[in-house]
């Protein structure tokens, strides 16, 4: 596993264990993003529905 840190600030972390595997997800947000998280989720949902 790669333990390389990209910056010195801490970010929210979510741990989820499924069976014998533990997944660690670190969350970070871009300071230069052009869309909000809500807009991004809506866009992804629209694209997914369009594919159906």
N, C-alpha and C. Protein backbone atom coordinates (compact mmCIF):
# COMPACT_ATOMS: atom_id res chain seq x y z
N UNK A 1 0.84 -1.18 0.00
CA UNK A 1 0.00 0.00 0.00
C UNK A 1 0.88 1.23 0.00
N UNK A 2 0.51 2.24 -0.75
CA UNK A 2 1.27 3.48 -0.85
C UNK A 2 0.83 4.44 0.24
N UNK A 3 1.74 4.89 1.08
CA UNK A 3 1.43 5.79 2.18
C UNK A 3 1.93 7.20 1.92
N UNK A 4 1.97 7.63 0.69
CA UNK A 4 2.47 8.94 0.34
C UNK A 4 1.45 10.01 0.71
N UNK A 5 1.89 11.04 1.45
CA UNK A 5 1.01 12.15 1.81
C UNK A 5 1.13 13.23 0.75
N UNK A 6 -0.01 13.79 0.33
CA UNK A 6 0.02 14.83 -0.68
C UNK A 6 0.10 16.22 -0.06
N UNK A 7 -0.32 16.36 1.19
CA UNK A 7 -0.20 17.64 1.88
C UNK A 7 -0.15 17.39 3.38
N UNK A 8 0.14 18.43 4.15
CA UNK A 8 0.32 18.25 5.58
C UNK A 8 -0.97 18.43 6.38
N UNK A 9 -2.07 18.85 5.74
CA UNK A 9 -3.32 19.03 6.46
C UNK A 9 -4.06 17.71 6.54
N UNK A 10 -4.84 17.54 7.59
CA UNK A 10 -5.62 16.31 7.71
C UNK A 10 -6.91 16.46 6.92
N UNK A 11 -7.41 15.36 6.44
CA UNK A 11 -8.66 15.37 5.70
C UNK A 11 -9.59 14.32 6.30
N UNK A 12 -10.89 14.49 6.11
CA UNK A 12 -11.83 13.49 6.63
C UNK A 12 -11.54 12.11 6.07
N UNK A 13 -11.64 11.10 6.93
CA UNK A 13 -11.37 9.73 6.54
C UNK A 13 -12.55 8.84 6.92
N UNK A 14 -12.93 7.97 6.01
CA UNK A 14 -14.00 7.00 6.26
C UNK A 14 -13.39 5.62 6.16
N UNK A 15 -13.65 4.78 7.16
CA UNK A 15 -13.19 3.39 7.14
C UNK A 15 -14.40 2.48 7.03
N UNK A 16 -14.30 1.50 6.14
CA UNK A 16 -15.38 0.54 5.95
C UNK A 16 -14.77 -0.83 5.80
N UNK A 17 -15.22 -1.76 6.63
CA UNK A 17 -14.71 -3.12 6.55
C UNK A 17 -15.77 -3.99 5.87
N UNK A 18 -15.35 -4.67 4.82
CA UNK A 18 -16.22 -5.60 4.10
C UNK A 18 -15.48 -6.93 4.11
N UNK A 19 -16.02 -7.87 4.84
CA UNK A 19 -15.34 -9.15 5.01
C UNK A 19 -14.04 -8.94 5.75
N UNK A 20 -12.95 -9.44 5.19
CA UNK A 20 -11.64 -9.28 5.83
C UNK A 20 -10.86 -8.09 5.27
N UNK A 21 -11.50 -7.31 4.39
CA UNK A 21 -10.82 -6.17 3.77
C UNK A 21 -11.32 -4.88 4.38
N UNK A 22 -10.41 -4.02 4.79
CA UNK A 22 -10.76 -2.70 5.31
C UNK A 22 -10.40 -1.65 4.27
N UNK A 23 -11.39 -0.86 3.89
CA UNK A 23 -11.20 0.21 2.92
C UNK A 23 -11.09 1.53 3.67
N UNK A 24 -10.10 2.32 3.33
CA UNK A 24 -9.91 3.64 3.93
C UNK A 24 -10.02 4.67 2.81
N UNK A 25 -11.00 5.56 2.95
CA UNK A 25 -11.24 6.58 1.93
C UNK A 25 -10.96 7.94 2.54
N UNK A 26 -10.06 8.68 1.94
CA UNK A 26 -9.75 10.04 2.39
C UNK A 26 -10.44 11.02 1.46
N UNK A 27 -11.11 12.00 2.02
CA UNK A 27 -11.90 12.95 1.25
C UNK A 27 -11.18 14.29 1.19
N UNK A 28 -11.09 14.84 0.01
CA UNK A 28 -10.56 16.20 -0.13
C UNK A 28 -11.32 16.92 -1.23
N UNK A 29 -11.36 18.23 -1.14
CA UNK A 29 -12.10 19.04 -2.10
C UNK A 29 -11.16 20.05 -2.74
N UNK A 30 -11.32 20.25 -4.00
CA UNK A 30 -10.50 21.20 -4.75
C UNK A 30 -10.91 22.63 -4.40
N UNK A 31 -9.93 23.46 -4.17
CA UNK A 31 -10.19 24.88 -3.91
C UNK A 31 -10.52 25.63 -5.20
N UNK A 32 -10.24 25.03 -6.33
CA UNK A 32 -10.46 25.70 -7.62
C UNK A 32 -11.60 25.06 -8.42
N UNK A 33 -12.44 24.26 -7.76
CA UNK A 33 -13.54 23.58 -8.45
C UNK A 33 -14.51 24.58 -9.05
N UNK A 34 -15.05 24.22 -10.20
CA UNK A 34 -15.99 25.09 -10.91
C UNK A 34 -17.45 24.76 -10.58
N UNK A 35 -17.70 23.62 -9.93
CA UNK A 35 -19.06 23.23 -9.59
C UNK A 35 -19.12 22.76 -8.14
N UNK A 36 -20.28 22.91 -7.53
CA UNK A 36 -20.46 22.46 -6.15
C UNK A 36 -20.63 20.94 -6.14
N UNK A 37 -20.53 20.35 -4.97
CA UNK A 37 -20.73 18.90 -4.85
C UNK A 37 -22.15 18.53 -5.28
N UNK A 38 -23.11 19.35 -4.90
CA UNK A 38 -24.50 19.10 -5.30
C UNK A 38 -24.63 19.11 -6.82
N UNK A 39 -24.03 20.09 -7.48
CA UNK A 39 -24.08 20.16 -8.94
C UNK A 39 -23.41 18.96 -9.58
N UNK A 40 -22.31 18.53 -9.01
CA UNK A 40 -21.58 17.37 -9.54
C UNK A 40 -22.42 16.10 -9.45
N UNK A 41 -23.04 15.88 -8.29
CA UNK A 41 -23.88 14.69 -8.10
C UNK A 41 -25.05 14.71 -9.08
N UNK A 42 -25.69 15.88 -9.22
CA UNK A 42 -26.81 15.98 -10.17
C UNK A 42 -26.35 15.68 -11.59
N UNK A 43 -25.18 16.21 -11.98
CA UNK A 43 -24.65 15.96 -13.32
C UNK A 43 -24.38 14.48 -13.54
N UNK A 44 -23.76 13.82 -12.53
CA UNK A 44 -23.48 12.40 -12.64
C UNK A 44 -24.76 11.58 -12.76
N UNK A 45 -25.78 11.94 -11.99
CA UNK A 45 -27.06 11.23 -12.07
C UNK A 45 -27.72 11.44 -13.43
N UNK A 46 -27.70 12.68 -13.95
CA UNK A 46 -28.27 12.94 -15.28
C UNK A 46 -27.57 12.12 -16.35
N UNK A 47 -26.24 12.06 -16.28
CA UNK A 47 -25.48 11.28 -17.26
C UNK A 47 -25.81 9.79 -17.17
N UNK A 48 -25.97 9.29 -15.94
CA UNK A 48 -26.28 7.88 -15.76
C UNK A 48 -27.67 7.56 -16.30
N UNK A 49 -28.65 8.42 -16.04
CA UNK A 49 -30.01 8.21 -16.54
C UNK A 49 -30.01 8.28 -18.07
N UNK A 50 -29.23 9.21 -18.61
CA UNK A 50 -29.17 9.36 -20.07
C UNK A 50 -28.63 8.10 -20.75
N UNK A 51 -27.73 7.39 -20.07
CA UNK A 51 -27.15 6.16 -20.63
C UNK A 51 -28.15 5.02 -20.66
N UNK A 52 -29.16 5.05 -19.81
CA UNK A 52 -30.12 3.94 -19.69
C UNK A 52 -31.04 3.84 -20.86
